[in-house]
């Protein structure tokens, strides 16, 4: 499992998880799994992008920019899919 997210308080003061969880099982079942060092730079960049996008996603949710919040959610989903390929 790959996850990126944060816990935030909702409008009622309760903690709520916000982020993504991705099952990467299928990407590890092939006959060959490349060494982590081969993909590390690209993966590290995507992890950094995911972390920043989560911050943006949270800020947009709090600011009330609904359309931008939806777009940042889609971006998080696509970053997660890209990370799952590693």
PDB file of N, CA and C in Angstrom:
ATOM      1  N   UNK A   1       0.843  -1.182   0.000  1.00  0.00           N
ATOM      2  CA  UNK A   1       0.000   0.000   0.000  1.00  0.00           C
ATOM      3  C   UNK A   1       0.882   1.238   0.000  1.00  0.00           C
ATOM      4  N   UNK A   2       0.462   2.197  -0.747  1.00  0.00           N
ATOM      5  CA  UNK A   2       1.123   3.494  -0.771  1.00  0.00           C
ATOM      6  C   UNK A   2       0.102   4.489  -0.249  1.00  0.00           C
ATOM      7  N   UNK A   3       0.518   5.355   0.664  1.00  0.00           N
ATOM      8  CA  UNK A   3      -0.427   6.353   1.138  1.00  0.00           C
ATOM      9  C   UNK A   3       0.252   7.700   1.305  1.00  0.00           C
ATOM     10  N   UNK A   4      -0.538   8.706   1.098  1.00  0.00           N
ATOM     11  CA  UNK A   4      -0.133  10.087   1.322  1.00  0.00           C
ATOM     12  C   UNK A   4      -1.376  10.795   1.834  1.00  0.00           C
ATOM     13  N   UNK A   5      -1.238  11.493   2.931  1.00  0.00           N
ATOM     14  CA  UNK A   5      -2.406  12.178   3.444  1.00  0.00           C
ATOM     15  C   UNK A   5      -2.105  12.951   4.705  1.00  0.00           C
ATOM     16  N   UNK A   6      -3.174  13.465   5.267  1.00  0.00           N
ATOM     17  CA  UNK A   6      -3.068  14.253   6.489  1.00  0.00           C
ATOM     18  C   UNK A   6      -4.361  14.117   7.270  1.00  0.00           C
ATOM     19  N   UNK A   7      -4.265  14.305   8.566  1.00  0.00           N
ATOM     20  CA  UNK A   7      -5.449  14.363   9.414  1.00  0.00           C
ATOM     21  C   UNK A   7      -5.755  15.825   9.700  1.00  0.00           C
ATOM     22  N   UNK A   8      -7.012  16.199   9.506  1.00  0.00           N
ATOM     23  CA  UNK A   8      -7.442  17.571   9.766  1.00  0.00           C
ATOM     24  C   UNK A   8      -8.747  17.532  10.554  1.00  0.00           C
ATOM     25  N   UNK A   9      -9.044  18.597  11.231  1.00  0.00           N
ATOM     26  CA  UNK A   9     -10.315  18.683  11.961  1.00  0.00           C
ATOM     27  C   UNK A   9     -11.411  19.139  10.993  1.00  0.00           C
ATOM     28  N   UNK A  10     -12.551  18.470  11.057  1.00  0.00           N
ATOM     29  CA  UNK A  10     -13.670  18.879  10.213  1.00  0.00           C
ATOM     30  C   UNK A  10     -14.459  19.980  10.918  1.00  0.00           C
ATOM     31  N   UNK A  11     -15.580  20.371  10.369  1.00  0.00           N
ATOM     32  CA  UNK A  11     -16.394  21.449  10.928  1.00  0.00           C
ATOM     33  C   UNK A  11     -16.936  21.176  12.316  1.00  0.00           C
ATOM     34  N   UNK A  12     -16.958  19.904  12.712  1.00  0.00           N
ATOM     35  CA  UNK A  12     -17.446  19.531  14.036  1.00  0.00           C
ATOM     36  C   UNK A  12     -16.304  19.334  15.034  1.00  0.00           C
ATOM     37  N   UNK A  13     -15.079  19.589  14.598  1.00  0.00           N
ATOM     38  CA  UNK A  13     -13.923  19.427  15.474  1.00  0.00           C
ATOM     39  C   UNK A  13     -13.385  18.012  15.532  1.00  0.00           C
ATOM     40  N   UNK A  14     -13.954  17.101  14.732  1.00  0.00           N
ATOM     41  CA  UNK A  14     -13.492  15.712  14.692  1.00  0.00           C
ATOM     42  C   UNK A  14     -12.360  15.563  13.684  1.00  0.00           C
ATOM     43  N   UNK A  15     -11.449  14.657  13.963  1.00  0.00           N
ATOM     44  CA  UNK A  15     -10.351  14.410  13.040  1.00  0.00           C
ATOM     45  C   UNK A  15     -10.858  13.654  11.817  1.00  0.00           C
ATOM     46  N   UNK A  16     -10.410  14.075  10.664  1.00  0.00           N
ATOM     47  CA  UNK A  16     -10.822  13.461   9.407  1.00  0.00           C
ATOM     48  C   UNK A  16      -9.585  13.239   8.553  1.00  0.00           C
ATOM     49  N   UNK A  17      -9.465  12.044   7.974  1.00  0.00           N
ATOM     50  CA  UNK A  17      -8.346  11.747   7.089  1.00  0.00           C
ATOM     51  C   UNK A  17      -8.615  12.282   5.698  1.00  0.00           C
ATOM     52  N   UNK A  18      -7.592  12.854   5.105  1.00  0.00           N
ATOM     53  CA  UNK A  18      -7.706  13.379   3.752  1.00  0.00           C
ATOM     54  C   UNK A  18      -6.453  12.990   3.003  1.00  0.00           C
ATOM     55  N   UNK A  19      -6.606  12.293   1.906  1.00  0.00           N
ATOM     56  CA  UNK A  19      -5.442  11.875   1.143  1.00  0.00           C
ATOM     57  C   UNK A  19      -5.789  10.716   0.227  1.00  0.00           C
ATOM     58  N   UNK A  20      -4.767   9.922  -0.092  1.00  0.00           N
ATOM     59  CA  UNK A  20      -4.957   8.820  -1.015  1.00  0.00           C
ATOM     60  C   UNK A  20      -4.296   7.557  -0.477  1.00  0.00           C
ATOM     61  N   UNK A  21      -4.899   6.425  -0.756  1.00  0.00           N
ATOM     62  CA  UNK A  21      -4.327   5.107  -0.509  1.00  0.00           C
ATOM     63  C   UNK A  21      -4.368   4.351  -1.823  1.00  0.00           C
ATOM     64  N   UNK A  22      -3.271   3.725  -2.189  1.00  0.00           N
ATOM     65  CA  UNK A  22      -3.202   3.007  -3.458  1.00  0.00           C
ATOM     66  C   UNK A  22      -2.631   1.621  -3.206  1.00  0.00           C
ATOM     67  N   UNK A  23      -3.340   0.615  -3.687  1.00  0.00           N
ATOM     68  CA  UNK A  23      -2.854  -0.762  -3.614  1.00  0.00           C
ATOM     69  C   UNK A  23      -1.887  -0.976  -4.769  1.00  0.00           C
ATOM     70  N   UNK A  24      -0.631  -1.220  -4.459  1.00  0.00           N
ATOM     71  CA  UNK A  24       0.403  -1.374  -5.492  1.00  0.00           C
ATOM     72  C   UNK A  24       0.755  -2.835  -5.742  1.00  0.00           C
ATOM     73  N   UNK A  25      -0.077  -3.751  -5.276  1.00  0.00           N
ATOM     74  CA  UNK A  25       0.202  -5.181  -5.400  1.00  0.00           C
ATOM     75  C   UNK A  25       0.466  -5.587  -6.846  1.00  0.00           C
ATOM     76  N   UNK A  26      -0.390  -5.168  -7.756  1.00  0.00           N
ATOM     77  CA  UNK A  26      -0.252  -5.577  -9.160  1.00  0.00           C
ATOM     78  C   UNK A  26       1.070  -5.141  -9.767  1.00  0.00           C
ATOM     79  N   UNK A  27       1.595  -4.020  -9.325  1.00  0.00           N
ATOM     80  CA  UNK A  27       2.843  -3.537  -9.905  1.00  0.00           C
ATOM     81  C   UNK A  27       4.056  -4.318  -9.402  1.00  0.00           C
ATOM     82  N   UNK A  28       3.867  -5.176  -8.408  1.00  0.00           N
ATOM     83  CA  UNK A  28       4.971  -5.947  -7.841  1.00  0.00           C
ATOM     84  C   UNK A  28       4.877  -7.445  -8.141  1.00  0.00           C
ATOM     85  N   UNK A  29       3.924  -7.846  -8.975  1.00  0.00           N
ATOM     86  CA  UNK A  29       3.736  -9.265  -9.230  1.00  0.00           C
ATOM     87  C   UNK A  29       4.393  -9.767 -10.501  1.00  0.00           C
ATOM     88  N   UNK A  30       5.005  -8.885 -11.263  1.00  0.00           N
ATOM     89  CA  UNK A  30       5.658  -9.293 -12.501  1.00  0.00           C
ATOM     90  C   UNK A  30       6.919 -10.093 -12.219  1.00  0.00           C
ATOM     91  N   UNK A  31       7.516 -10.691 -13.251  1.00  0.00           N
ATOM     92  CA  UNK A  31       8.717 -11.498 -13.060  1.00  0.00           C
ATOM     93  C   UNK A  31       9.942 -10.659 -12.707  1.00  0.00           C
ATOM     94  N   UNK A  32       9.868  -9.363 -12.974  1.00  0.00           N
ATOM     95  CA  UNK A  32      11.028  -8.515 -12.705  1.00  0.00           C
ATOM     96  C   UNK A  32      10.568  -7.226 -12.054  1.00  0.00           C
ATOM     97  N   UNK A  33      11.126  -6.929 -10.920  1.00  0.00           N
ATOM     98  CA  UNK A  33      10.872  -5.656 -10.255  1.00  0.00           C
ATOM     99  C   UNK A  33      12.164  -4.865 -10.295  1.00  0.00           C
ATOM    100  N   UNK A  34      12.171  -3.704 -10.949  1.00  0.00           N
ATOM    101  CA  UNK A  34      13.417  -2.943 -11.048  1.00  0.00           C
ATOM    102  C   UNK A  34      13.937  -2.536  -9.672  1.00  0.00           C
ATOM    103  N   UNK A  35      15.247  -2.467  -9.528  1.00  0.00           N
ATOM    104  CA  UNK A  35      15.800  -2.010  -8.254  1.00  0.00           C
ATOM    105  C   UNK A  35      15.285  -0.618  -7.912  1.00  0.00           C
ATOM    106  N   UNK A  36      15.075  -0.391  -6.630  1.00  0.00           N
ATOM    107  CA  UNK A  36      14.527   0.898  -6.188  1.00  0.00           C
ATOM    108  C   UNK A  36      15.412   2.054  -6.627  1.00  0.00           C
ATOM    109  N   UNK A  37      16.707   1.847  -6.675  1.00  0.00           N
ATOM    110  CA  UNK A  37      17.606   2.941  -7.028  1.00  0.00           C
ATOM    111  C   UNK A  37      17.395   3.432  -8.457  1.00  0.00           C
ATOM    112  N   UNK A  38      16.871   2.568  -9.341  1.00  0.00           N
ATOM    113  CA  UNK A  38      16.657   2.978 -10.730  1.00  0.00           C
ATOM    114  C   UNK A  38      15.526   3.995 -10.842  1.00  0.00           C
ATOM    115  N   UNK A  39      14.525   3.896  -9.974  1.00  0.00           N
ATOM    116  CA  UNK A  39      13.359   4.764 -10.049  1.00  0.00           C
ATOM    117  C   UNK A  39      13.347   5.819  -8.950  1.00  0.00           C
ATOM    118  N   UNK A  40      14.367   5.870  -8.136  1.00  0.00           N
ATOM    119  CA  UNK A  40      14.340   6.688  -6.938  1.00  0.00           C
ATOM    120  C   UNK A  40      14.160   8.178  -7.231  1.00  0.00           C
ATOM    121  N   UNK A  41      14.880   8.718  -8.193  1.00  0.00           N
ATOM    122  CA  UNK A  41      14.770  10.154  -8.466  1.00  0.00           C
ATOM    123  C   UNK A  41      13.366  10.532  -8.919  1.00  0.00           C
ATOM    124  N   UNK A  42      12.806   9.753  -9.835  1.00  0.00           N
ATOM    125  CA  UNK A  42      11.462  10.041 -10.328  1.00  0.00           C
ATOM    126  C   UNK A  42      10.456   9.856  -9.205  1.00  0.00           C
ATOM    127  N   UNK A  43      10.594   8.762  -8.459  1.00  0.00           N
ATOM    128  CA  UNK A  43       9.662   8.498  -7.369  1.00  0.00           C
ATOM    129  C   UNK A  43       9.767   9.578  -6.297  1.00  0.00           C
ATOM    130  N   UNK A  44      10.990   9.986  -5.938  1.00  0.00           N
ATOM    131  CA  UNK A  44      11.166  11.042  -4.943  1.00  0.00           C
ATOM    132  C   UNK A  44      10.497  12.334  -5.396  1.00  0.00           C
ATOM    133  N   UNK A  45      10.595  12.649  -6.674  1.00  0.00           N
ATOM    134  CA  UNK A  45       9.952  13.855  -7.204  1.00  0.00           C
ATOM    135  C   UNK A  45       8.436  13.747  -7.102  1.00  0.00           C
ATOM    136  N   UNK A  46       7.902  12.577  -7.413  1.00  0.00           N
ATOM    137  CA  UNK A  46       6.456  12.385  -7.320  1.00  0.00           C
ATOM    138  C   UNK A  46       5.977  12.428  -5.872  1.00  0.00           C
ATOM    139  N   UNK A  47       6.762  11.879  -4.956  1.00  0.00           N
ATOM    140  CA  UNK A  47       6.403  11.923  -3.533  1.00  0.00           C
ATOM    141  C   UNK A  47       6.377  13.376  -3.062  1.00  0.00           C
ATOM    142  N   UNK A  48       7.381  14.148  -3.460  1.00  0.00           N
ATOM    143  CA  UNK A  48       7.417  15.571  -3.098  1.00  0.00           C
ATOM    144  C   UNK A  48       6.210  16.299  -3.700  1.00  0.00           C
ATOM    145  N   UNK A  49       5.861  15.984  -4.939  1.00  0.00           N
ATOM    146  CA  UNK A  49       4.705  16.606  -5.587  1.00  0.00           C
ATOM    147  C   UNK A  49       3.415  16.232  -4.851  1.00  0.00           C
ATOM    148  N   UNK A  50       3.301  14.961  -4.434  1.00  0.00           N
ATOM    149  CA  UNK A  50       2.113  14.519  -3.699  1.00  0.00           C
ATOM    150  C   UNK A  50       1.987  15.277  -2.384  1.00  0.00           C
ATOM    151  N   UNK A  51       3.088  15.427  -1.673  1.00  0.00           N
ATOM    152  CA  UNK A  51       3.052  16.153  -0.401  1.00  0.00           C
ATOM    153  C   UNK A  51       2.591  17.600  -0.598  1.00  0.00           C
ATOM    154  N   UNK A  52       3.117  18.252  -1.619  1.00  0.00           N
ATOM    155  CA  UNK A  52       2.725  19.641  -1.882  1.00  0.00           C
ATOM    156  C   UNK A  52       1.279  19.739  -2.354  1.00  0.00           C
ATOM    157  N   UNK A  53       0.861  18.775  -3.143  1.00  0.00           N
ATOM    158  CA  UNK A  53      -0.510  18.784  -3.651  1.00  0.00           C
ATOM    159  C   UNK A  53      -1.511  18.568  -2.514  1.00  0.00           C
ATOM    160  N   UNK A  54      -1.149  17.751  -1.543  1.00  0.00           N
ATOM    161  CA  UNK A  54      -2.026  17.564  -0.375  1.00  0.00           C
ATOM    162  C   UNK A  54      -2.187  18.884   0.366  1.00  0.00           C
ATOM    163  N   UNK A  55      -1.100  19.632   0.530  1.00  0.00           N
ATOM    164  CA  UNK A  55      -1.183  20.938   1.176  1.00  0.00           C
ATOM    165  C   UNK A  55      -2.095  21.876   0.383  1.00  0.00           C
ATOM    166  N   UNK A  56      -1.941  21.873  -0.936  1.00  0.00           N
ATOM    167  CA  UNK A  56      -2.778  22.709  -1.796  1.00  0.00           C
ATOM    168  C   UNK A  56      -4.234  22.284  -1.687  1.00  0.00           C
ATOM    169  N   UNK A  57      -4.468  20.984  -1.711  1.00  0.00           N
ATOM    170  CA  UNK A  57      -5.825  20.437  -1.632  1.00  0.00           C
ATOM    171  C   UNK A  57      -6.509  20.887  -0.343  1.00  0.00           C
ATOM    172  N   UNK A  58      -5.789  20.810   0.771  1.00  0.00           N
ATOM    173  CA  UNK A  58      -6.345  21.240   2.054  1.00  0.00           C
ATOM    174  C   UNK A  58      -6.630  22.743   2.063  1.00  0.00           C
ATOM    175  N   UNK A  59      -5.700  23.530   1.533  1.00  0.00           N
ATOM    176  CA  UNK A  59      -5.888  24.984   1.500  1.00  0.00           C
ATOM    177  C   UNK A  59      -7.091  25.368   0.643  1.00  0.00           C
ATOM    178  N   UNK A  60      -7.243  24.707  -0.494  1.00  0.00           N
ATOM    179  CA  UNK A  60      -8.375  25.011  -1.373  1.00  0.00           C
ATOM    180  C   UNK A  60      -9.699  24.612  -0.742  1.00  0.00           C
ATOM    181  N   UNK A  61      -9.705  23.534   0.009  1.00  0.00           N
ATOM    182  CA  UNK A  61     -10.930  23.115   0.697  1.00  0.00           C
ATOM    183  C   UNK A  61     -11.339  24.169   1.715  1.00  0.00           C
ATOM    184  N   UNK A  62     -10.374  24.681   2.462  1.00  0.00           N
ATOM    185  CA  UNK A  62     -10.664  25.683   3.487  1.00  0.00           C
ATOM    186  C   UNK A  62     -11.051  27.030   2.883  1.00  0.00           C
ATOM    187  N   UNK A  63     -10.549  27.310   1.689  1.00  0.00           N
ATOM    188  CA  UNK A  63     -10.811  28.617   1.076  1.00  0.00           C
ATOM    189  C   UNK A  63     -12.162  28.677   0.368  1.00  0.00           C
ATOM    190  N   UNK A  64     -12.750  27.517   0.098  1.00  0.00           N
ATOM    191  CA  UNK A  64     -14.050  27.504  -0.559  1.00  0.00           C
ATOM    192  C   UNK A  64     -14.009  27.509  -2.077  1.00  0.00           C
ATOM    193  N   UNK A  65     -12.835  27.361  -2.667  1.00  0.00           N
ATOM    194  CA  UNK A  65     -12.721  27.298  -4.133  1.00  0.00           C
ATOM    195  C   UNK A  65     -13.047  25.869  -4.586  1.00  0.00           C
ATOM    196  N   UNK A  66     -14.327  25.591  -4.732  1.00  0.00           N
ATOM    197  CA  UNK A  66     -14.804  24.235  -5.002  1.00  0.00           C
ATOM    198  C   UNK A  66     -14.215  23.639  -6.269  1.00  0.00           C
ATOM    199  N   UNK A  67     -14.229  24.386  -7.358  1.00  0.00           N
ATOM    200  CA  UNK A  67     -13.718  23.851  -8.623  1.00  0.00           C
ATOM    201  C   UNK A  67     -12.221  23.547  -8.544  1.00  0.00           C
ATOM    202  N   UNK A  68     -11.458  24.444  -7.939  1.00  0.00           N
ATOM    203  CA  UNK A  68     -10.024  24.204  -7.788  1.00  0.00           C
ATOM    204  C   UNK A  68      -9.757  23.041  -6.840  1.00  0.00           C
ATOM    205  N   UNK A  69     -10.575  22.915  -5.818  1.00  0.00           N
ATOM    206  CA  UNK A  69     -10.440  21.792  -4.881  1.00  0.00           C
ATOM    207  C   UNK A  69     -10.653  20.464  -5.614  1.00  0.00           C
ATOM    208  N   UNK A  70     -11.649  20.408  -6.473  1.00  0.00           N
ATOM    209  CA  UNK A  70     -11.907  19.191  -7.258  1.00  0.00           C
ATOM    210  C   UNK A  70     -10.725  18.883  -8.178  1.00  0.00           C
ATOM    211  N   UNK A  71     -10.182  19.912  -8.824  1.00  0.00           N
ATOM    212  CA  UNK A  71      -9.034  19.706  -9.707  1.00  0.00           C
ATOM    213  C   UNK A  71      -7.817  19.197  -8.941  1.00  0.00           C
ATOM    214  N   UNK A  72      -7.585  19.728  -7.753  1.00  0.00           N
ATOM    215  CA  UNK A  72      -6.442  19.258  -6.966  1.00  0.00           C
ATOM    216  C   UNK A  72      -6.652  17.811  -6.525  1.00  0.00           C
ATOM    217  N   UNK A  73      -7.904  17.413  -6.291  1.00  0.00           N
ATOM    218  CA  UNK A  73      -8.196  16.012  -5.969  1.00  0.00           C
ATOM    219  C   UNK A  73      -7.881  15.099  -7.137  1.00  0.00           C
ATOM    220  N   UNK A  74      -8.218  15.553  -8.333  1.00  0.00           N
ATOM    221  CA  UNK A  74      -7.905  14.772  -9.528  1.00  0.00           C
ATOM    222  C   UNK A  74      -6.393  14.660  -9.707  1.00  0.00           C
ATOM    223  N   UNK A  75      -5.684  15.763  -9.473  1.00  0.00           N
ATOM    224  CA  UNK A  75      -4.226  15.741  -9.571  1.00  0.00           C
ATOM    225  C   UNK A  75      -3.630  14.756  -8.563  1.00  0.00           C
ATOM    226  N   UNK A  76      -4.138  14.754  -7.329  1.00  0.00           N
ATOM    227  CA  UNK A  76      -3.669  13.795  -6.321  1.00  0.00           C
ATOM    228  C   UNK A  76      -3.890  12.359  -6.789  1.00  0.00           C
ATOM    229  N   UNK A  77      -5.033  12.115  -7.377  1.00  0.00           N
ATOM    230  CA  UNK A  77      -5.344  10.772  -7.878  1.00  0.00           C
ATOM    231  C   UNK A  77      -4.339  10.347  -8.941  1.00  0.00           C
ATOM    232  N   UNK A  78      -4.040  11.241  -9.869  1.00  0.00           N
ATOM    233  CA  UNK A  78      -3.106  10.915 -10.954  1.00  0.00           C
ATOM    234  C   UNK A  78      -1.674  10.751 -10.444  1.00  0.00           C
ATOM    235  N   UNK A  79      -1.274  11.560  -9.473  1.00  0.00           N
ATOM    236  CA  UNK A  79       0.048  11.383  -8.866  1.00  0.00           C
ATOM    237  C   UNK A  79       0.116  10.025  -8.184  1.00  0.00           C
ATOM    238  N   UNK A  80      -0.939   9.656  -7.499  1.00  0.00           N
ATOM    239  CA  UNK A  80      -1.002   8.346  -6.855  1.00  0.00           C
ATOM    240  C   UNK A  80      -0.897   7.210  -7.850  1.00  0.00           C
ATOM    241  N   UNK A  81      -1.560   7.344  -8.979  1.00  0.00           N
ATOM    242  CA  UNK A  81      -1.473   6.308 -10.027  1.00  0.00           C
ATOM    243  C   UNK A  81      -0.051   6.203 -10.557  1.00  0.00           C
ATOM    244  N   UNK A  82       0.600   7.348 -10.758  1.00  0.00           N
ATOM    245  CA  UNK A  82       1.974   7.339 -11.242  1.00  0.00           C
ATOM    246  C   UNK A  82       2.896   6.689 -10.226  1.00  0.00           C
ATOM    247  N   UNK A  83       2.698   6.984  -8.948  1.00  0.00           N
ATOM    248  CA  UNK A  83       3.523   6.366  -7.898  1.00  0.00           C
ATOM    249  C   UNK A  83       3.291   4.851  -7.834  1.00  0.00           C
ATOM    250  N   UNK A  84       2.068   4.433  -8.096  1.00  0.00           N
ATOM    251  CA  UNK A  84       1.746   3.008  -8.036  1.00  0.00           C
ATOM    252  C   UNK A  84       2.488   2.204  -9.112  1.00  0.00           C
ATOM    253  N   UNK A  85       2.905   2.864 -10.173  1.00  0.00           N
ATOM    254  CA  UNK A  85       3.637   2.175 -11.238  1.00  0.00           C
ATOM    255  C   UNK A  85       5.031   1.777 -10.808  1.00  0.00           C
ATOM    256  N   UNK A  86       5.544   2.394  -9.738  1.00  0.00           N
ATOM    257  CA  UNK A  86       6.884   2.053  -9.253  1.00  0.00           C
ATOM    258  C   UNK A  86       6.753   0.904  -8.343  1.00  0.00           C
TER     259      UNK A  86
END
